[in-house]
Protein backbone atom coordinates (compact mmCIF):
# COMPACT_ATOMS: atom_id res chain seq x y z
CA MET A 1 18.03 -15.98 -78.93
CA LEU A 2 19.67 -16.35 -82.57
CA VAL A 3 19.52 -13.29 -85.03
CA ARG A 4 21.27 -13.81 -87.73
CA ALA A 5 22.59 -10.77 -90.11
CA ALA A 6 22.07 -10.27 -93.55
CA LEU A 7 24.51 -11.23 -95.78
CA ALA A 8 25.76 -9.95 -99.17
CA LEU A 9 23.49 -10.10 -101.66
CA SER A 10 26.07 -11.05 -104.19
CA LEU A 11 26.30 -14.66 -102.64
CA SER A 12 25.45 -17.07 -105.00
CA LEU A 13 22.45 -19.60 -104.09
CA THR A 14 24.95 -22.61 -104.93
CA ALA A 15 27.43 -20.95 -102.66
CA LEU A 16 24.88 -21.11 -99.70
CA GLY A 17 24.47 -24.31 -100.32
CA TRP A 18 20.74 -24.06 -101.54
CA ARG A 19 20.89 -27.58 -103.66
CA THR A 20 22.28 -29.60 -100.75
CA ALA A 21 19.98 -31.19 -98.02
CA GLY A 22 21.39 -33.16 -95.86
CA ALA A 23 18.00 -35.92 -95.96
CA GLU A 24 14.49 -35.44 -97.65
CA THR A 25 13.22 -32.35 -96.09
CA ASN A 26 9.13 -31.61 -95.36
CA MET A 27 9.07 -28.00 -95.80
CA LEU A 28 5.67 -25.96 -95.58
CA LEU A 29 6.19 -22.35 -96.50
CA ILE A 30 3.75 -20.20 -94.60
CA LEU A 31 3.18 -16.79 -96.24
CA ASP A 32 1.65 -13.51 -94.81
CA ALA A 33 -0.07 -11.87 -97.30
CA SER A 34 -2.32 -9.41 -95.03
CA ASN A 35 -2.52 -6.05 -95.35
CA SER A 36 0.68 -4.63 -93.98
CA MET A 37 2.84 -6.53 -96.46
CA TRP A 38 2.10 -3.35 -98.84
CA GLY A 39 4.28 -1.36 -96.40
CA GLN A 40 7.44 -0.47 -98.04
CA THR A 41 11.49 -1.01 -97.50
CA GLU A 42 13.71 0.83 -99.81
CA GLY A 43 11.06 2.24 -101.62
CA VAL A 44 9.51 -1.51 -102.52
CA ALA A 45 6.61 -3.04 -101.06
CA LYS A 46 7.27 -5.60 -99.18
CA ILE A 47 4.74 -8.18 -100.95
CA GLU A 48 6.69 -7.41 -103.99
CA THR A 49 10.15 -8.05 -102.52
CA ALA A 50 8.55 -11.16 -101.19
CA LYS A 51 7.25 -12.61 -104.81
CA ASP A 52 10.68 -11.59 -106.77
CA VAL A 53 12.70 -13.72 -103.84
CA LEU A 54 10.56 -16.65 -103.39
CA GLY A 55 9.99 -16.95 -106.67
CA GLY A 56 13.32 -17.18 -107.81
CA LEU A 57 14.44 -19.43 -105.03
CA LEU A 58 11.90 -21.84 -106.18
CA ASP A 59 13.71 -22.73 -109.08
CA GLU A 60 16.74 -23.47 -106.89
CA LEU A 61 15.26 -25.53 -104.05
CA SER A 62 16.59 -29.67 -103.82
CA PRO A 63 14.31 -31.97 -105.78
CA GLU A 64 14.80 -34.02 -102.50
CA THR A 65 12.59 -31.21 -100.86
CA ASN A 66 8.79 -31.87 -100.41
CA LEU A 67 7.18 -28.21 -100.67
CA ALA A 68 4.16 -27.30 -99.22
CA LEU A 69 2.55 -23.63 -99.51
CA MET A 70 0.35 -22.28 -96.93
CA LEU A 71 -1.19 -18.52 -97.19
CA TYR A 72 -3.22 -16.46 -94.77
CA GLY A 73 -4.92 -12.76 -95.00
CA HIS A 74 -4.69 -12.95 -98.91
CA ARG A 75 -8.51 -13.06 -99.66
CA ARG A 76 -10.48 -11.26 -97.65
CA GLU A 77 -10.43 -8.22 -95.08
CA GLY A 78 -10.98 -8.56 -91.45
CA ASP A 79 -11.36 -12.21 -91.62
CA CYS A 80 -9.50 -13.88 -88.79
CA ALA A 81 -10.47 -17.08 -90.52
CA ASP A 82 -8.71 -16.43 -93.96
CA ILE A 83 -6.23 -19.12 -93.91
CA GLU A 84 -5.76 -21.68 -97.38
CA LEU A 85 -3.14 -24.45 -97.44
CA VAL A 86 -2.97 -23.41 -101.36
CA SER A 87 -0.70 -26.65 -101.97
CA PRO A 88 -0.52 -29.72 -99.81
CA PHE A 89 2.09 -31.90 -99.68
CA GLY A 90 2.89 -33.72 -102.71
CA ALA A 91 -0.04 -32.38 -104.94
CA GLY A 92 1.42 -29.05 -106.35
CA THR A 93 4.43 -28.15 -108.59
CA ARG A 94 6.70 -25.79 -108.27
CA ASP A 95 5.61 -23.66 -110.49
CA GLY A 96 1.77 -23.85 -109.48
CA ILE A 97 3.02 -22.39 -106.20
CA ARG A 98 5.53 -19.57 -107.61
CA SER A 99 2.11 -18.73 -109.46
CA ALA A 100 0.53 -18.57 -106.33
CA ILE A 101 2.93 -16.14 -104.69
CA LEU A 102 3.23 -14.12 -107.43
CA GLY A 103 -0.90 -13.30 -107.61
CA LEU A 104 -1.03 -12.68 -104.33
CA THR A 105 -2.44 -9.42 -103.25
CA PRO A 106 -2.32 -8.62 -99.72
CA ARG A 107 -5.85 -7.77 -97.82
CA GLY A 108 -6.12 -8.90 -94.49
CA LYS A 109 -5.26 -9.45 -90.45
CA THR A 110 -2.53 -11.73 -89.17
CA PRO A 111 -3.65 -15.41 -87.92
CA ILE A 112 -0.31 -16.61 -86.96
CA ALA A 113 -1.39 -18.61 -84.10
CA ALA A 114 -4.42 -20.30 -86.25
CA SER A 115 -2.39 -20.91 -89.20
CA LEU A 116 0.60 -22.69 -86.86
CA GLN A 117 -2.81 -25.09 -85.72
CA ALA A 118 -3.87 -25.25 -89.43
CA ALA A 119 -0.30 -26.78 -90.22
CA ALA A 120 -0.60 -30.16 -88.13
CA ASP A 121 -3.38 -31.03 -90.17
CA ALA A 122 -0.64 -30.33 -93.25
CA PHE A 123 1.84 -32.87 -91.95
CA ALA A 124 -0.91 -35.16 -91.50
CA GLY A 125 0.98 -38.20 -92.39
CA LEU A 126 4.27 -37.24 -92.14
CA GLU A 127 4.80 -37.29 -88.19
CA GLU A 128 6.52 -39.90 -88.45
CA GLU A 129 9.33 -38.45 -90.80
CA PRO A 130 12.62 -37.50 -89.58
CA ASN A 131 12.80 -33.94 -90.92
CA ASN A 132 9.74 -31.62 -91.14
CA SER A 133 10.17 -27.80 -91.25
CA ILE A 134 7.64 -24.50 -90.92
CA VAL A 135 9.49 -21.84 -92.62
CA LEU A 136 7.06 -18.87 -91.16
CA ILE A 137 7.36 -15.48 -93.18
CA SER A 138 5.61 -12.57 -91.21
CA ASP A 139 5.94 -8.60 -91.10
CA GLY A 140 3.89 -8.00 -88.08
CA ILE A 141 2.68 -9.21 -85.13
CA GLU A 142 -0.32 -11.97 -84.45
CA SER A 143 -3.66 -9.71 -84.88
CA CYS A 144 -6.52 -12.09 -84.50
CA GLY A 145 -5.87 -12.72 -80.33
CA GLY A 146 -4.31 -15.96 -81.08
CA ASP A 147 -1.22 -17.12 -78.84
CA PRO A 148 1.53 -18.18 -81.69
CA CYS A 149 3.98 -19.21 -79.23
CA ALA A 150 1.54 -21.65 -77.36
CA ALA A 151 0.63 -22.90 -80.69
CA ALA A 152 3.75 -23.47 -81.98
CA GLY A 153 4.98 -25.49 -78.70
CA ALA A 154 1.41 -27.52 -78.81
CA LEU A 155 2.37 -28.46 -83.05
CA VAL A 156 6.01 -29.37 -81.90
CA GLU A 157 4.25 -31.68 -78.78
CA ARG A 158 2.11 -33.30 -81.67
CA ASN A 159 5.02 -33.32 -84.26
CA ILE A 160 8.36 -34.10 -82.33
CA SER A 161 10.36 -34.06 -85.53
CA LEU A 162 9.13 -30.49 -86.44
CA ARG A 163 10.83 -27.62 -86.61
CA VAL A 164 9.24 -24.26 -86.81
CA HIS A 165 12.01 -21.52 -88.48
CA VAL A 166 10.67 -17.89 -88.65
CA VAL A 167 11.67 -14.64 -90.62
CA GLY A 168 10.81 -11.39 -89.23
CA PHE A 169 10.76 -8.64 -91.89
CA ASP A 170 10.90 -5.43 -91.38
CA VAL A 171 9.30 -5.57 -87.72
CA ASP A 172 9.49 -3.97 -84.76
CA ASP A 173 10.79 -4.72 -81.25
CA GLU A 174 7.44 -5.94 -79.83
CA ALA A 175 6.67 -8.53 -83.32
CA ARG A 176 10.42 -9.25 -83.43
CA ALA A 177 9.90 -10.51 -79.70
CA GLN A 178 7.11 -12.47 -80.71
CA LEU A 179 8.07 -14.11 -83.51
CA GLN A 180 11.45 -15.17 -82.08
CA CYS A 181 9.55 -16.95 -79.09
CA ILE A 182 7.34 -18.91 -81.80
CA ALA A 183 11.15 -20.30 -83.09
CA ASP A 184 12.19 -20.68 -80.10
CA ARG A 185 8.96 -22.95 -78.45
CA GLY A 186 8.93 -24.32 -82.10
CA ASN A 187 12.67 -25.79 -81.90
CA GLY A 188 13.48 -23.51 -84.56
CA GLU A 189 15.48 -20.57 -85.54
CA TYR A 190 14.55 -16.95 -85.99
CA PHE A 191 16.16 -14.76 -88.62
CA ASP A 192 15.65 -10.85 -88.65
CA ALA A 193 15.52 -8.98 -91.79
CA ALA A 194 15.43 -5.30 -92.48
CA ASN A 195 15.26 -4.48 -96.20
CA PRO A 196 14.91 -6.42 -99.17
CA GLU A 197 18.83 -7.46 -99.15
CA GLY A 198 18.59 -8.90 -95.79
CA PHE A 199 14.67 -10.34 -96.82
CA ARG A 200 16.93 -12.29 -99.44
CA SER A 201 19.43 -13.45 -96.75
CA ALA A 202 16.83 -14.32 -93.89
CA VAL A 203 15.16 -16.69 -96.37
CA GLU A 204 18.05 -18.38 -97.73
CA SER A 205 19.59 -18.99 -94.01
CA ALA A 206 15.61 -20.11 -93.37
CA GLN A 207 15.95 -22.54 -95.68
CA GLN A 208 19.50 -24.04 -94.94
CA ALA A 209 17.79 -24.27 -91.38
CA ALA A 210 15.15 -26.40 -92.53
CA VAL A 211 17.09 -28.92 -95.15
CA ALA A 212 20.17 -29.63 -92.48
CA ALA A 213 19.33 -32.69 -90.52
CA PRO A 214 17.61 -32.43 -87.65
CA GLU A 215 20.62 -32.52 -84.34
CA PRO A 216 20.24 -36.37 -83.37
CA GLU A 217 18.23 -36.48 -80.14
CA PRO A 218 21.03 -36.67 -76.85
CA GLU A 219 21.59 -40.03 -75.48
CA SER A 220 20.20 -40.64 -72.63
CA GLU A 221 22.04 -40.65 -69.02
CA PRO A 222 23.26 -44.71 -68.50
CA THR A 223 21.19 -45.69 -65.55
CA PHE A 224 22.72 -47.78 -62.91
CA THR A 225 22.21 -50.63 -60.62
CA GLU A 226 23.26 -50.76 -56.84
CA TYR A 227 25.71 -54.05 -56.45
CA PHE A 228 27.52 -53.35 -52.90
CA ARG A 229 26.63 -50.76 -50.59
CA ASP A 230 27.90 -50.02 -47.06
CA ASP A 231 26.41 -47.02 -44.96
CA PHE A 232 28.06 -48.06 -41.72
CA ASP A 233 24.95 -48.02 -39.83
CA GLY A 234 25.76 -50.98 -37.54
CA PRO A 235 27.90 -50.62 -33.71
CA ASP A 236 30.76 -52.32 -35.49
CA LEU A 237 32.64 -53.01 -39.10
CA SER A 238 30.71 -55.59 -41.35
CA ASP A 239 31.86 -59.09 -41.59
CA ALA A 240 32.74 -58.06 -45.46
CA TRP A 241 35.77 -56.08 -44.63
CA GLN A 242 39.04 -57.00 -43.41
CA ILE A 243 41.59 -54.91 -41.95
CA GLY A 244 45.30 -54.92 -43.14
CA ASN A 245 47.46 -54.02 -40.65
CA PRO A 246 45.02 -53.38 -37.98
CA ASP A 247 45.14 -50.85 -35.16
CA PRO A 248 41.46 -50.85 -32.96
CA ASP A 249 42.38 -47.68 -31.19
CA ASN A 250 42.45 -45.17 -34.20
CA PHE A 251 39.34 -46.42 -35.87
CA ILE A 252 35.79 -46.58 -35.01
CA VAL A 253 32.37 -47.46 -36.26
CA GLU A 254 29.63 -45.22 -35.04
CA ASN A 255 26.59 -42.85 -35.98
CA GLY A 256 26.86 -44.16 -39.52
CA SER A 257 30.40 -44.09 -40.55
CA LEU A 258 33.19 -45.06 -39.98
CA LEU A 259 36.25 -42.49 -38.35
CA ALA A 260 39.81 -43.15 -38.69
CA ILE A 261 42.93 -41.27 -37.73
CA THR A 262 46.30 -41.46 -38.55
CA SER A 263 49.40 -39.89 -37.38
CA SER A 264 51.90 -42.52 -39.91
CA THR A 265 53.50 -41.72 -42.66
CA GLY A 266 53.71 -43.96 -45.67
CA SER A 267 52.10 -44.93 -48.61
CA LEU A 268 50.10 -48.13 -50.11
CA ALA A 269 53.03 -48.99 -52.05
CA GLY A 270 54.54 -50.11 -48.36
CA GLU A 271 53.44 -52.46 -45.78
CA ASN A 272 53.82 -49.98 -43.13
CA VAL A 273 50.01 -48.24 -43.79
CA ARG A 274 47.69 -49.43 -40.51
CA ASN A 275 43.99 -50.00 -40.80
CA LEU A 276 43.29 -50.29 -44.67
CA PHE A 277 39.93 -51.58 -45.20
CA SER A 278 39.53 -53.98 -47.75
CA LEU A 279 36.19 -55.72 -48.96
CA THR A 280 37.01 -59.19 -49.10
CA GLY A 281 33.56 -60.21 -48.45
CA THR A 282 32.31 -59.30 -51.81
CA ALA A 283 34.30 -59.13 -55.07
CA LEU A 284 34.56 -56.83 -57.80
CA PRO A 285 31.95 -57.22 -60.19
CA GLU A 286 32.96 -58.35 -64.03
CA GLY A 287 32.45 -55.89 -66.61
CA ASP A 288 32.32 -52.18 -65.89
CA TRP A 289 31.68 -50.67 -62.62
CA ILE A 290 31.38 -47.86 -60.62
CA ALA A 291 32.78 -47.64 -56.64
CA SER A 292 32.32 -44.59 -54.64
CA ALA A 293 32.83 -43.39 -51.05
CA LYS A 294 31.77 -40.31 -49.55
CA VAL A 295 34.47 -38.89 -47.15
CA ASP A 296 35.10 -35.91 -44.53
CA ILE A 297 38.66 -35.22 -44.28
CA ALA A 298 39.59 -32.43 -41.41
CA MET A 299 42.43 -30.50 -43.37
CA GLN A 300 44.77 -29.96 -40.58
CA THR A 301 48.23 -31.03 -41.66
CA ALA A 302 48.43 -30.23 -45.30
CA VAL A 303 50.15 -33.80 -45.76
CA GLU A 304 46.62 -35.88 -45.64
CA THR A 305 45.91 -38.35 -48.24
CA PHE A 306 42.56 -40.75 -48.58
CA TYR A 307 43.11 -43.42 -51.17
CA PHE A 308 40.57 -45.94 -52.67
CA GLY A 309 40.33 -48.19 -55.33
CA VAL A 310 41.76 -51.83 -56.18
CA ARG A 311 44.92 -53.34 -54.12
CA ASP A 312 46.27 -56.62 -54.64
CA GLY A 313 49.18 -55.84 -52.51
CA PRO A 314 52.19 -53.03 -53.13
CA ASP A 315 52.94 -53.95 -56.08
CA SER A 316 49.87 -53.97 -57.40
CA MET A 317 47.21 -51.49 -57.41
CA ILE A 318 44.94 -48.77 -59.26
CA MET A 319 43.62 -46.25 -56.38
CA VAL A 320 42.05 -42.33 -56.37
CA GLN A 321 43.48 -40.47 -54.03
CA LEU A 322 42.42 -36.97 -52.16
CA LEU A 323 45.57 -35.58 -51.42
CA SER A 324 46.17 -31.61 -49.88
CA ALA A 325 49.56 -30.15 -50.66
CA GLY A 326 51.33 -26.51 -50.76
CA ASP A 327 53.07 -24.27 -48.87
CA GLN A 328 53.47 -20.44 -47.89
CA TYR A 329 55.01 -19.51 -50.95
CA TYR A 330 52.77 -20.67 -53.61
CA GLY A 331 49.61 -21.47 -51.03
CA TRP A 332 47.83 -25.05 -51.25
CA LYS A 333 45.61 -27.34 -53.54
CA LEU A 334 43.27 -30.25 -52.80
CA ILE A 335 44.27 -32.80 -55.57
CA LEU A 336 42.72 -35.50 -57.18
CA ARG A 337 44.98 -38.03 -57.99
CA LEU A 338 45.06 -41.43 -59.86
CA GLU A 339 47.82 -44.06 -59.25
CA LYS A 340 48.54 -47.31 -61.21
CA ILE A 341 51.02 -49.20 -59.34
CA GLY A 342 52.07 -52.35 -61.42
CA GLY A 343 54.69 -54.49 -63.46
CA GLY A 344 57.26 -51.99 -61.31
CA GLU A 345 55.92 -48.90 -62.62
CA VAL A 346 54.06 -45.94 -61.33
CA THR A 347 51.43 -43.74 -63.27
CA THR A 348 50.02 -40.80 -62.31
CA PHE A 349 47.27 -38.32 -63.24
CA ASP A 350 46.44 -34.86 -61.09
CA ALA A 351 43.61 -32.78 -61.53
CA GLU A 352 42.94 -29.85 -58.95
CA MET A 353 39.58 -29.91 -57.12
CA ALA A 354 40.41 -26.28 -54.93
CA SER A 355 43.16 -24.16 -54.41
CA LEU A 356 43.93 -21.07 -52.59
CA GLY A 357 47.29 -18.65 -53.68
CA CYS A 358 49.27 -17.57 -51.27
CA ASN A 359 52.70 -15.68 -51.65
CA VAL A 360 55.27 -15.56 -48.29
CA CYS A 361 52.36 -15.82 -46.29
CA ASP A 362 51.26 -16.86 -42.33
CA ALA A 363 51.02 -20.83 -43.57
CA ASP A 364 49.21 -22.19 -40.76
CA ARG A 365 46.64 -19.33 -40.78
CA MET A 366 46.30 -19.60 -44.47
CA PHE A 367 46.01 -23.47 -44.77
CA ARG A 368 43.38 -23.19 -42.04
CA ASN A 369 41.54 -20.33 -44.19
CA PHE A 370 42.06 -22.52 -47.56
CA ALA A 371 40.54 -25.77 -45.41
CA ALA A 372 37.55 -23.78 -44.78
CA THR A 373 36.72 -22.95 -48.32
CA VAL A 374 36.35 -26.49 -49.39
CA PRO A 375 32.84 -28.06 -48.67
CA GLN A 376 32.42 -31.72 -47.33
CA PRO A 377 32.18 -34.29 -47.92
CA ILE A 378 33.62 -34.93 -51.00
CA GLU A 379 32.23 -37.87 -53.27
CA VAL A 380 35.40 -39.69 -54.86
CA ARG A 381 34.58 -42.42 -57.67
CA LEU A 382 36.65 -45.18 -59.32
CA VAL A 383 35.41 -45.85 -63.05
CA LYS A 384 36.17 -49.22 -64.79
CA GLU A 385 35.57 -48.88 -68.38
CA GLY A 386 36.39 -51.83 -70.22
CA ARG A 387 40.02 -52.08 -69.57
CA SER A 388 40.30 -48.46 -68.66
CA PHE A 389 40.20 -46.54 -65.59
CA TYR A 390 39.77 -43.18 -64.07
CA ALA A 391 38.62 -41.19 -61.04
CA MET A 392 36.12 -38.51 -60.35
CA ALA A 393 35.22 -36.36 -57.46
CA LYS A 394 32.90 -33.48 -56.88
CA LEU A 395 32.47 -31.16 -53.49
CA ALA A 396 29.14 -31.77 -52.02
CA GLY A 397 26.41 -29.57 -51.24
CA THR A 398 27.90 -27.47 -54.45
CA ASP A 399 27.34 -26.87 -57.88
CA SER A 400 30.34 -27.05 -59.12
CA PRO A 401 31.12 -29.58 -61.46
CA TRP A 402 32.52 -33.61 -61.27
CA VAL A 403 36.30 -33.21 -61.64
CA SER A 404 37.85 -35.89 -63.81
CA THR A 405 41.21 -37.36 -64.63
CA GLU A 406 42.88 -38.62 -67.68
CA LYS A 407 42.73 -42.48 -68.31
CA ALA A 408 44.83 -45.21 -67.35
CA THR A 409 44.78 -48.60 -69.01
CA THR A 410 45.61 -51.66 -67.41
CA LEU A 411 45.65 -55.53 -68.91
CA ARG A 412 44.91 -57.08 -65.67
CA ALA A 413 43.12 -55.20 -62.62
CA SER A 414 42.97 -57.88 -59.40
CA GLY A 415 42.37 -57.23 -55.88
CA ASN A 416 39.69 -55.98 -53.40
CA LEU A 417 38.07 -53.00 -53.10
CA THR A 418 40.30 -51.24 -50.70
CA PHE A 419 40.34 -47.95 -48.65
CA GLY A 420 42.44 -46.06 -45.89
CA THR A 421 43.86 -42.66 -44.91
CA THR A 422 47.75 -41.64 -44.55
CA GLN A 423 50.38 -38.72 -44.24
CA TYR A 424 52.72 -38.53 -47.28
CA GLY A 425 55.13 -36.30 -45.12
CA GLU A 426 56.52 -35.55 -41.78
CA THR A 427 54.24 -33.72 -39.90
CA ALA A 428 53.43 -33.09 -35.96
CA GLY A 429 49.67 -33.31 -36.35
CA GLU A 430 46.98 -36.01 -36.99
CA THR A 431 44.27 -36.74 -39.91
CA TYR A 432 41.13 -37.48 -39.78
CA VAL A 433 39.36 -38.95 -41.78
CA GLU A 434 35.15 -40.11 -41.86
CA VAL A 435 33.97 -42.22 -44.51
CA ASP A 436 29.98 -41.91 -44.62
CA GLU A 437 28.66 -44.59 -47.51
CA VAL A 438 30.99 -46.78 -49.79
CA LYS A 439 29.11 -48.41 -53.10
CA ILE A 440 29.26 -50.64 -56.09
CA GLU A 441 27.09 -49.60 -59.20
CA VAL A 442 27.16 -51.79 -62.36
CA PRO A 443 25.32 -50.06 -65.30
CA ASN A 444 22.59 -51.96 -66.78
């Protein structure tokens, strides 16, 4: 809900930007002239406040604004059809609109829904214009049995660039809720006014919202086409993969997953890591791409590492890493790391995915507690955009957001998509990893 408080009456129209329009605007002013506008605030009839404020503001309205005026309740008592487009777009002058407002005598009902329905015809031929707005001013609730919220929603569906802004003048809670709903369903804003000073400020704010350039449509999410996928559904590893330093006793493909075990210490910058799975049967695509893997890591040693990325040997790679780290003094973390090795230099960027604090505690017990709090599997991604790469990861089955690293830039990224697991420190235990899926996607 957006309810704007009254600004000081001493603020000038120019300071409020009344003369500034971001784009040519078609603005329909719908003014309540029902009998309730004879009600008073601070000893002044609301209709007199409206005449004074609106009559003066017309002098300051930008010439780039194409103005129209609609009234309801101004001619007959008890007539829910008493709605009149007094001045259509392009047909009236500012002086003519001012005269119509100054000559008002409130008499009738409050047919807000029917007025919004009639407004559709007022915008006929202007539906494709980029900046269409309604400013509805009312001092009460719908009194003719219509549904103004639904009418506002239908109007916006018919005229997608239209916004319905609403000024509520000295209204109770029930009317305020309905008027707020009209603004919400009409993609507009609601402005509340309790007295003449607040009314002037609210009308100025509504006009500001009307002439402001509409927010651009959000860019649609990019779509991708699958370039490669392996679900490990067969009894053996596909021929598309080549195994570096094979150790057949410590990996197996079964039940739709590749399972690997390691108790060796090392990194991909060395040559001693066993069971490095490289996609040699399918070259990485040209241009941008996303490579991803779904992995379940049985965290039980606090030194686990899963590698996934592009490797062209120990001196040239850009890899995503998932690693657990910590101790009984500082607690434990699951870290997402992007590591680039090339030209004799190593660049790393880290992002934290999960953590559990600790202060001199039982290390084994607390690490088990930490491991139990990390939902599995984890989806990891290596994203290539131009010459830049970054890592992303998300805990599966949760509402947690994607975690991303900073970007690393490389002028030449050659090699094969490679994954594997190792331990980065001495430990007596084993690291157990289950990979459910590896895929590569390219943008459409």
